[in-house]
Amino acid sequence: MGLGKGLIVAGVALVVVGAAVMLASKLGLRLFQLPGDIVWRSKNGVIYIPVVTSVLLSVIFSMLLFVLRR
């Protein structure tokens, strides 16, 4: 696959993921806020560290790349 086709596929994938996230938020689902993610709130701001979300996304992308490279 050439660079152009790869960029088009990546763009379409981002649009699909963005639409899914927007739809989920309208339905009241909290995506990417899993148990185990660290949230620290103070009166000056919020710090969010997505530990479990990062591990889950890494596993999903690793499995996807494994399947695509076969």
PDB file of N, CA and C in Angstrom:
ATOM      1  N   MET A   1       0.851  -1.169   0.000  1.00  0.00           N
ATOM      2  CA  MET A   1       0.000   0.000   0.000  1.00  0.00           C
ATOM      3  C   MET A   1       0.896   1.230   0.000  1.00  0.00           C
ATOM      4  N   GLY A   2       0.571   2.182  -0.842  1.00  0.00           N
ATOM      5  CA  GLY A   2       1.346   3.404  -0.921  1.00  0.00           C
ATOM      6  C   GLY A   2       1.037   4.348   0.226  1.00  0.00           C
ATOM      7  N   LEU A   3       1.838   5.390   0.301  1.00  0.00           N
ATOM      8  CA  LEU A   3       1.675   6.372   1.380  1.00  0.00           C
ATOM      9  C   LEU A   3       0.324   7.063   1.296  1.00  0.00           C
ATOM     10  N   GLY A   4      -0.098   7.409   0.093  1.00  0.00           N
ATOM     11  CA  GLY A   4      -1.380   8.091  -0.079  1.00  0.00           C
ATOM     12  C   GLY A   4      -2.554   7.259   0.392  1.00  0.00           C
ATOM     13  N   LYS A   5      -2.565   5.984  -0.020  1.00  0.00           N
ATOM     14  CA  LYS A   5      -3.652   5.099   0.398  1.00  0.00           C
ATOM     15  C   LYS A   5      -3.624   4.881   1.906  1.00  0.00           C
ATOM     16  N   GLY A   6      -2.437   4.772   2.468  1.00  0.00           N
ATOM     17  CA  GLY A   6      -2.319   4.593   3.909  1.00  0.00           C
ATOM     18  C   GLY A   6      -2.864   5.786   4.674  1.00  0.00           C
ATOM     19  N   LEU A   7      -2.584   6.989   4.184  1.00  0.00           N
ATOM     20  CA  LEU A   7      -3.106   8.195   4.832  1.00  0.00           C
ATOM     21  C   LEU A   7      -4.626   8.284   4.716  1.00  0.00           C
ATOM     22  N   ILE A   8      -5.155   7.872   3.575  1.00  0.00           N
ATOM     23  CA  ILE A   8      -6.612   7.885   3.408  1.00  0.00           C
ATOM     24  C   ILE A   8      -7.269   6.894   4.361  1.00  0.00           C
ATOM     25  N   VAL A   9      -6.708   5.696   4.478  1.00  0.00           N
ATOM     26  CA  VAL A   9      -7.251   4.691   5.394  1.00  0.00           C
ATOM     27  C   VAL A   9      -7.170   5.184   6.833  1.00  0.00           C
ATOM     28  N   ALA A  10      -6.049   5.788   7.207  1.00  0.00           N
ATOM     29  CA  ALA A  10      -5.904   6.317   8.567  1.00  0.00           C
ATOM     30  C   ALA A  10      -6.910   7.434   8.821  1.00  0.00           C
ATOM     31  N   GLY A  11      -7.139   8.284   7.840  1.00  0.00           N
ATOM     32  CA  GLY A  11      -8.113   9.366   7.987  1.00  0.00           C
ATOM     33  C   GLY A  11      -9.530   8.848   8.158  1.00  0.00           C
ATOM     34  N   VAL A  12      -9.890   7.868   7.356  1.00  0.00           N
ATOM     35  CA  VAL A  12     -11.226   7.277   7.474  1.00  0.00           C
ATOM     36  C   VAL A  12     -11.387   6.600   8.833  1.00  0.00           C
ATOM     37  N   ALA A  13     -10.342   5.912   9.286  1.00  0.00           N
ATOM     38  CA  ALA A  13     -10.400   5.255  10.593  1.00  0.00           C
ATOM     39  C   ALA A  13     -10.582   6.286  11.704  1.00  0.00           C
ATOM     40  N   LEU A  14      -9.888   7.414  11.615  1.00  0.00           N
ATOM     41  CA  LEU A  14     -10.043   8.464  12.629  1.00  0.00           C
ATOM     42  C   LEU A  14     -11.453   9.051  12.626  1.00  0.00           C
ATOM     43  N   VAL A  15     -12.034   9.215  11.442  1.00  0.00           N
ATOM     44  CA  VAL A  15     -13.399   9.736  11.355  1.00  0.00           C
ATOM     45  C   VAL A  15     -14.380   8.758  12.007  1.00  0.00           C
ATOM     46  N   VAL A  16     -14.204   7.464  11.743  1.00  0.00           N
ATOM     47  CA  VAL A  16     -15.091   6.453  12.324  1.00  0.00           C
ATOM     48  C   VAL A  16     -14.959   6.433  13.845  1.00  0.00           C
ATOM     49  N   VAL A  17     -13.735   6.466  14.336  1.00  0.00           N
ATOM     50  CA  VAL A  17     -13.517   6.461  15.790  1.00  0.00           C
ATOM     51  C   VAL A  17     -14.080   7.738  16.408  1.00  0.00           C
ATOM     52  N   GLY A  18     -13.872   8.871  15.771  1.00  0.00           N
ATOM     53  CA  GLY A  18     -14.415  10.132  16.281  1.00  0.00           C
ATOM     54  C   GLY A  18     -15.932  10.120  16.342  1.00  0.00           C
ATOM     55  N   ALA A  19     -16.564   9.582  15.305  1.00  0.00           N
ATOM     56  CA  ALA A  19     -18.025   9.498  15.298  1.00  0.00           C
ATOM     57  C   ALA A  19     -18.520   8.564  16.392  1.00  0.00           C
ATOM     58  N   ALA A  20     -17.811   7.463  16.617  1.00  0.00           N
ATOM     59  CA  ALA A  20     -18.210   6.533  17.678  1.00  0.00           C
ATOM     60  C   ALA A  20     -18.086   7.175  19.059  1.00  0.00           C
ATOM     61  N   VAL A  21     -17.032   7.933  19.273  1.00  0.00           N
ATOM     62  CA  VAL A  21     -16.843   8.611  20.565  1.00  0.00           C
ATOM     63  C   VAL A  21     -17.928   9.660  20.776  1.00  0.00           C
ATOM     64  N   MET A  22     -18.250  10.421  19.719  1.00  0.00           N
ATOM     65  CA  MET A  22     -19.304  11.435  19.839  1.00  0.00           C
ATOM     66  C   MET A  22     -20.655  10.790  20.121  1.00  0.00           C
ATOM     67  N   LEU A  23     -20.952   9.687  19.446  1.00  0.00           N
ATOM     68  CA  LEU A  23     -22.216   8.988  19.663  1.00  0.00           C
ATOM     69  C   LEU A  23     -22.290   8.425  21.076  1.00  0.00           C
ATOM     70  N   ALA A  24     -21.194   7.863  21.549  1.00  0.00           N
ATOM     71  CA  ALA A  24     -21.176   7.298  22.900  1.00  0.00           C
ATOM     72  C   ALA A  24     -21.391   8.379  23.951  1.00  0.00           C
ATOM     73  N   SER A  25     -20.787   9.556  23.745  1.00  0.00           N
ATOM     74  CA  SER A  25     -20.963  10.627  24.729  1.00  0.00           C
ATOM     75  C   SER A  25     -22.401  11.143  24.730  1.00  0.00           C
ATOM     76  N   LYS A  26     -23.049  11.155  23.569  1.00  0.00           N
ATOM     77  CA  LYS A  26     -24.452  11.575  23.525  1.00  0.00           C
ATOM     78  C   LYS A  26     -25.372  10.556  24.197  1.00  0.00           C
ATOM     79  N   LEU A  27     -24.951   9.287  24.181  1.00  0.00           N
ATOM     80  CA  LEU A  27     -25.731   8.243  24.837  1.00  0.00           C
ATOM     81  C   LEU A  27     -25.421   8.126  26.323  1.00  0.00           C
ATOM     82  N   GLY A  28     -24.467   8.915  26.802  1.00  0.00           N
ATOM     83  CA  GLY A  28     -24.129   8.907  28.218  1.00  0.00           C
ATOM     84  C   GLY A  28     -23.073   7.893  28.608  1.00  0.00           C
ATOM     85  N   LEU A  29     -22.436   7.248  27.628  1.00  0.00           N
ATOM     86  CA  LEU A  29     -21.372   6.284  27.928  1.00  0.00           C
ATOM     87  C   LEU A  29     -20.055   7.028  28.133  1.00  0.00           C
ATOM     88  N   ARG A  30     -19.306   6.613  29.108  1.00  0.00           N
ATOM     89  CA  ARG A  30     -18.018   7.253  29.388  1.00  0.00           C
ATOM     90  C   ARG A  30     -16.898   6.377  28.836  1.00  0.00           C
ATOM     91  N   LEU A  31     -16.509   6.633  27.600  1.00  0.00           N
ATOM     92  CA  LEU A  31     -15.418   5.893  26.995  1.00  0.00           C
ATOM     93  C   LEU A  31     -14.090   6.430  27.516  1.00  0.00           C
ATOM     94  N   PHE A  32     -13.127   5.580  27.589  1.00  0.00           N
ATOM     95  CA  PHE A  32     -11.761   5.934  27.980  1.00  0.00           C
ATOM     96  C   PHE A  32     -11.678   6.466  29.402  1.00  0.00           C
ATOM     97  N   GLN A  33     -12.585   6.048  30.246  1.00  0.00           N
ATOM     98  CA  GLN A  33     -12.507   6.340  31.675  1.00  0.00           C
ATOM     99  C   GLN A  33     -12.802   5.033  32.409  1.00  0.00           C
ATOM    100  N   LEU A  34     -11.846   4.144  32.377  1.00  0.00           N
ATOM    101  CA  LEU A  34     -12.013   2.816  32.944  1.00  0.00           C
ATOM    102  C   LEU A  34     -11.600   2.785  34.407  1.00  0.00           C
ATOM    103  N   PRO A  35     -12.097   1.796  35.156  1.00  0.00           N
ATOM    104  CA  PRO A  35     -11.614   1.623  36.522  1.00  0.00           C
ATOM    105  C   PRO A  35     -10.113   1.330  36.488  1.00  0.00           C
ATOM    106  N   GLY A  36      -9.361   1.978  37.309  1.00  0.00           N
ATOM    107  CA  GLY A  36      -7.909   1.825  37.311  1.00  0.00           C
ATOM    108  C   GLY A  36      -7.206   3.041  36.735  1.00  0.00           C
ATOM    109  N   ASP A  37      -7.934   3.877  35.994  1.00  0.00           N
ATOM    110  CA  ASP A  37      -7.370   5.137  35.529  1.00  0.00           C
ATOM    111  C   ASP A  37      -7.299   6.090  36.726  1.00  0.00           C
ATOM    112  N   ILE A  38      -6.267   6.874  36.771  1.00  0.00           N
ATOM    113  CA  ILE A  38      -6.029   7.742  37.924  1.00  0.00           C
ATOM    114  C   ILE A  38      -6.570   9.138  37.634  1.00  0.00           C
ATOM    115  N   VAL A  39      -7.442   9.630  38.519  1.00  0.00           N
ATOM    116  CA  VAL A  39      -7.986  10.983  38.406  1.00  0.00           C
ATOM    117  C   VAL A  39      -7.719  11.692  39.723  1.00  0.00           C
ATOM    118  N   TRP A  40      -7.027  12.822  39.640  1.00  0.00           N
ATOM    119  CA  TRP A  40      -6.734  13.597  40.836  1.00  0.00           C
ATOM    120  C   TRP A  40      -7.327  14.989  40.656  1.00  0.00           C
ATOM    121  N   ARG A  41      -8.270  15.329  41.527  1.00  0.00           N
ATOM    122  CA  ARG A  41      -8.951  16.625  41.431  1.00  0.00           C
ATOM    123  C   ARG A  41      -8.522  17.518  42.589  1.00  0.00           C
ATOM    124  N   SER A  42      -8.253  18.744  42.263  1.00  0.00           N
ATOM    125  CA  SER A  42      -7.991  19.754  43.293  1.00  0.00           C
ATOM    126  C   SER A  42      -8.818  20.987  42.952  1.00  0.00           C
ATOM    127  N   LYS A  43      -8.749  21.986  43.786  1.00  0.00           N
ATOM    128  CA  LYS A  43      -9.545  23.174  43.487  1.00  0.00           C
ATOM    129  C   LYS A  43      -8.981  23.968  42.317  1.00  0.00           C
ATOM    130  N   ASN A  44      -7.746  23.683  41.910  1.00  0.00           N
ATOM    131  CA  ASN A  44      -7.129  24.402  40.801  1.00  0.00           C
ATOM    132  C   ASN A  44      -7.193  23.660  39.471  1.00  0.00           C
ATOM    133  N   GLY A  45      -7.576  22.391  39.466  1.00  0.00           N
ATOM    134  CA  GLY A  45      -7.618  21.657  38.212  1.00  0.00           C
ATOM    135  C   GLY A  45      -7.766  20.160  38.418  1.00  0.00           C
ATOM    136  N   VAL A  46      -7.649  19.441  37.314  1.00  0.00           N
ATOM    137  CA  VAL A  46      -7.812  17.994  37.318  1.00  0.00           C
ATOM    138  C   VAL A  46      -6.644  17.382  36.562  1.00  0.00           C
ATOM    139  N   ILE A  47      -6.073  16.305  37.113  1.00  0.00           N
ATOM    140  CA  ILE A  47      -5.035  15.539  36.434  1.00  0.00           C
ATOM    141  C   ILE A  47      -5.604  14.159  36.174  1.00  0.00           C
ATOM    142  N   TYR A  48      -5.573  13.742  34.911  1.00  0.00           N
ATOM    143  CA  TYR A  48      -6.122  12.454  34.504  1.00  0.00           C
ATOM    144  C   TYR A  48      -5.002  11.630  33.883  1.00  0.00           C
ATOM    145  N   ILE A  49      -4.728  10.459  34.450  1.00  0.00           N
ATOM    146  CA  ILE A  49      -3.679   9.565  33.952  1.00  0.00           C
ATOM    147  C   ILE A  49      -4.356   8.250  33.563  1.00  0.00           C
ATOM    148  N   PRO A  50      -4.522   8.002  32.255  1.00  0.00           N
ATOM    149  CA  PRO A  50      -5.271   6.824  31.787  1.00  0.00           C
ATOM    150  C   PRO A  50      -4.421   5.557  31.727  1.00  0.00           C
ATOM    151  N   VAL A  51      -4.105   4.981  32.866  1.00  0.00           N
ATOM    152  CA  VAL A  51      -3.229   3.809  32.937  1.00  0.00           C
ATOM    153  C   VAL A  51      -3.881   2.595  32.275  1.00  0.00           C
ATOM    154  N   VAL A  52      -5.051   2.208  32.727  1.00  0.00           N
ATOM    155  CA  VAL A  52      -5.720   1.008  32.219  1.00  0.00           C
ATOM    156  C   VAL A  52      -6.155   1.211  30.768  1.00  0.00           C
ATOM    157  N   THR A  53      -6.614   2.397  30.431  1.00  0.00           N
ATOM    158  CA  THR A  53      -7.011   2.686  29.054  1.00  0.00           C
ATOM    159  C   THR A  53      -5.816   2.543  28.115  1.00  0.00           C
ATOM    160  N   SER A  54      -4.653   3.008  28.525  1.00  0.00           N
ATOM    161  CA  SER A  54      -3.454   2.893  27.693  1.00  0.00           C
ATOM    162  C   SER A  54      -3.060   1.439  27.481  1.00  0.00           C
ATOM    163  N   VAL A  55      -3.125   0.642  28.523  1.00  0.00           N
ATOM    164  CA  VAL A  55      -2.786  -0.782  28.397  1.00  0.00           C
ATOM    165  C   VAL A  55      -3.778  -1.472  27.469  1.00  0.00           C
ATOM    166  N   LEU A  56      -5.069  -1.193  27.634  1.00  0.00           N
ATOM    167  CA  LEU A  56      -6.089  -1.812  26.804  1.00  0.00           C
ATOM    168  C   LEU A  56      -5.919  -1.432  25.335  1.00  0.00           C
ATOM    169  N   LEU A  57      -5.700  -0.157  25.050  1.00  0.00           N
ATOM    170  CA  LEU A  57      -5.484   0.272  23.667  1.00  0.00           C
ATOM    171  C   LEU A  57      -4.225  -0.343  23.081  1.00  0.00           C
ATOM    172  N   SER A  58      -3.181  -0.487  23.864  1.00  0.00           N
ATOM    173  CA  SER A  58      -1.952  -1.114  23.393  1.00  0.00           C
ATOM    174  C   SER A  58      -2.188  -2.561  23.003  1.00  0.00           C
ATOM    175  N   VAL A  59      -2.933  -3.286  23.820  1.00  0.00           N
ATOM    176  CA  VAL A  59      -3.237  -4.687  23.506  1.00  0.00           C
ATOM    177  C   VAL A  59      -4.083  -4.784  22.238  1.00  0.00           C
ATOM    178  N   ILE A  60      -5.078  -3.926  22.113  1.00  0.00           N
ATOM    179  CA  ILE A  60      -5.944  -3.952  20.928  1.00  0.00           C
ATOM    180  C   ILE A  60      -5.151  -3.646  19.663  1.00  0.00           C
ATOM    181  N   PHE A  61      -4.319  -2.601  19.700  1.00  0.00           N
ATOM    182  CA  PHE A  61      -3.536  -2.246  18.514  1.00  0.00           C
ATOM    183  C   PHE A  61      -2.490  -3.304  18.191  1.00  0.00           C
ATOM    184  N   SER A  62      -1.903  -3.923  19.202  1.00  0.00           N
ATOM    185  CA  SER A  62      -0.938  -4.996  18.958  1.00  0.00           C
ATOM    186  C   SER A  62      -1.605  -6.186  18.284  1.00  0.00           C
ATOM    187  N   MET A  63      -2.797  -6.549  18.743  1.00  0.00           N
ATOM    188  CA  MET A  63      -3.518  -7.659  18.121  1.00  0.00           C
ATOM    189  C   MET A  63      -3.929  -7.314  16.691  1.00  0.00           C
ATOM    190  N   LEU A  64      -4.349  -6.080  16.477  1.00  0.00           N
ATOM    191  CA  LEU A  64      -4.739  -5.640  15.133  1.00  0.00           C
ATOM    192  C   LEU A  64      -3.559  -5.683  14.175  1.00  0.00           C
ATOM    193  N   LEU A  65      -2.412  -5.189  14.608  1.00  0.00           N
ATOM    194  CA  LEU A  65      -1.219  -5.219  13.752  1.00  0.00           C
ATOM    195  C   LEU A  65      -0.751  -6.649  13.508  1.00  0.00           C
ATOM    196  N   PHE A  66      -0.875  -7.519  14.497  1.00  0.00           N
ATOM    197  CA  PHE A  66      -0.518  -8.910  14.318  1.00  0.00           C
ATOM    198  C   PHE A  66      -1.378  -9.562  13.232  1.00  0.00           C
ATOM    199  N   VAL A  67      -2.670  -9.269  13.259  1.00  0.00           N
ATOM    200  CA  VAL A  67      -3.589  -9.849  12.273  1.00  0.00           C
ATOM    201  C   VAL A  67      -3.313  -9.264  10.884  1.00  0.00           C
ATOM    202  N   LEU A  68      -3.057  -7.960  10.816  1.00  0.00           N
ATOM    203  CA  LEU A  68      -2.828  -7.314   9.519  1.00  0.00           C
ATOM    204  C   LEU A  68      -1.498  -7.731   8.881  1.00  0.00           C
ATOM    205  N   ARG A  69      -0.513  -8.073   9.654  1.00  0.00           N
ATOM    206  CA  ARG A  69       0.789  -8.452   9.103  1.00  0.00           C
ATOM    207  C   ARG A  69       0.845  -9.906   8.655  1.00  0.00           C
ATOM    208  N   ARG A  70      -0.135 -10.719   8.999  1.00  0.00           N
ATOM    209  CA  ARG A  70      -0.143 -12.131   8.597  1.00  0.00           C
ATOM    210  C   ARG A  70      -0.460 -12.281   7.159  1.00  0.00           C
TER     211      ARG A  70
END
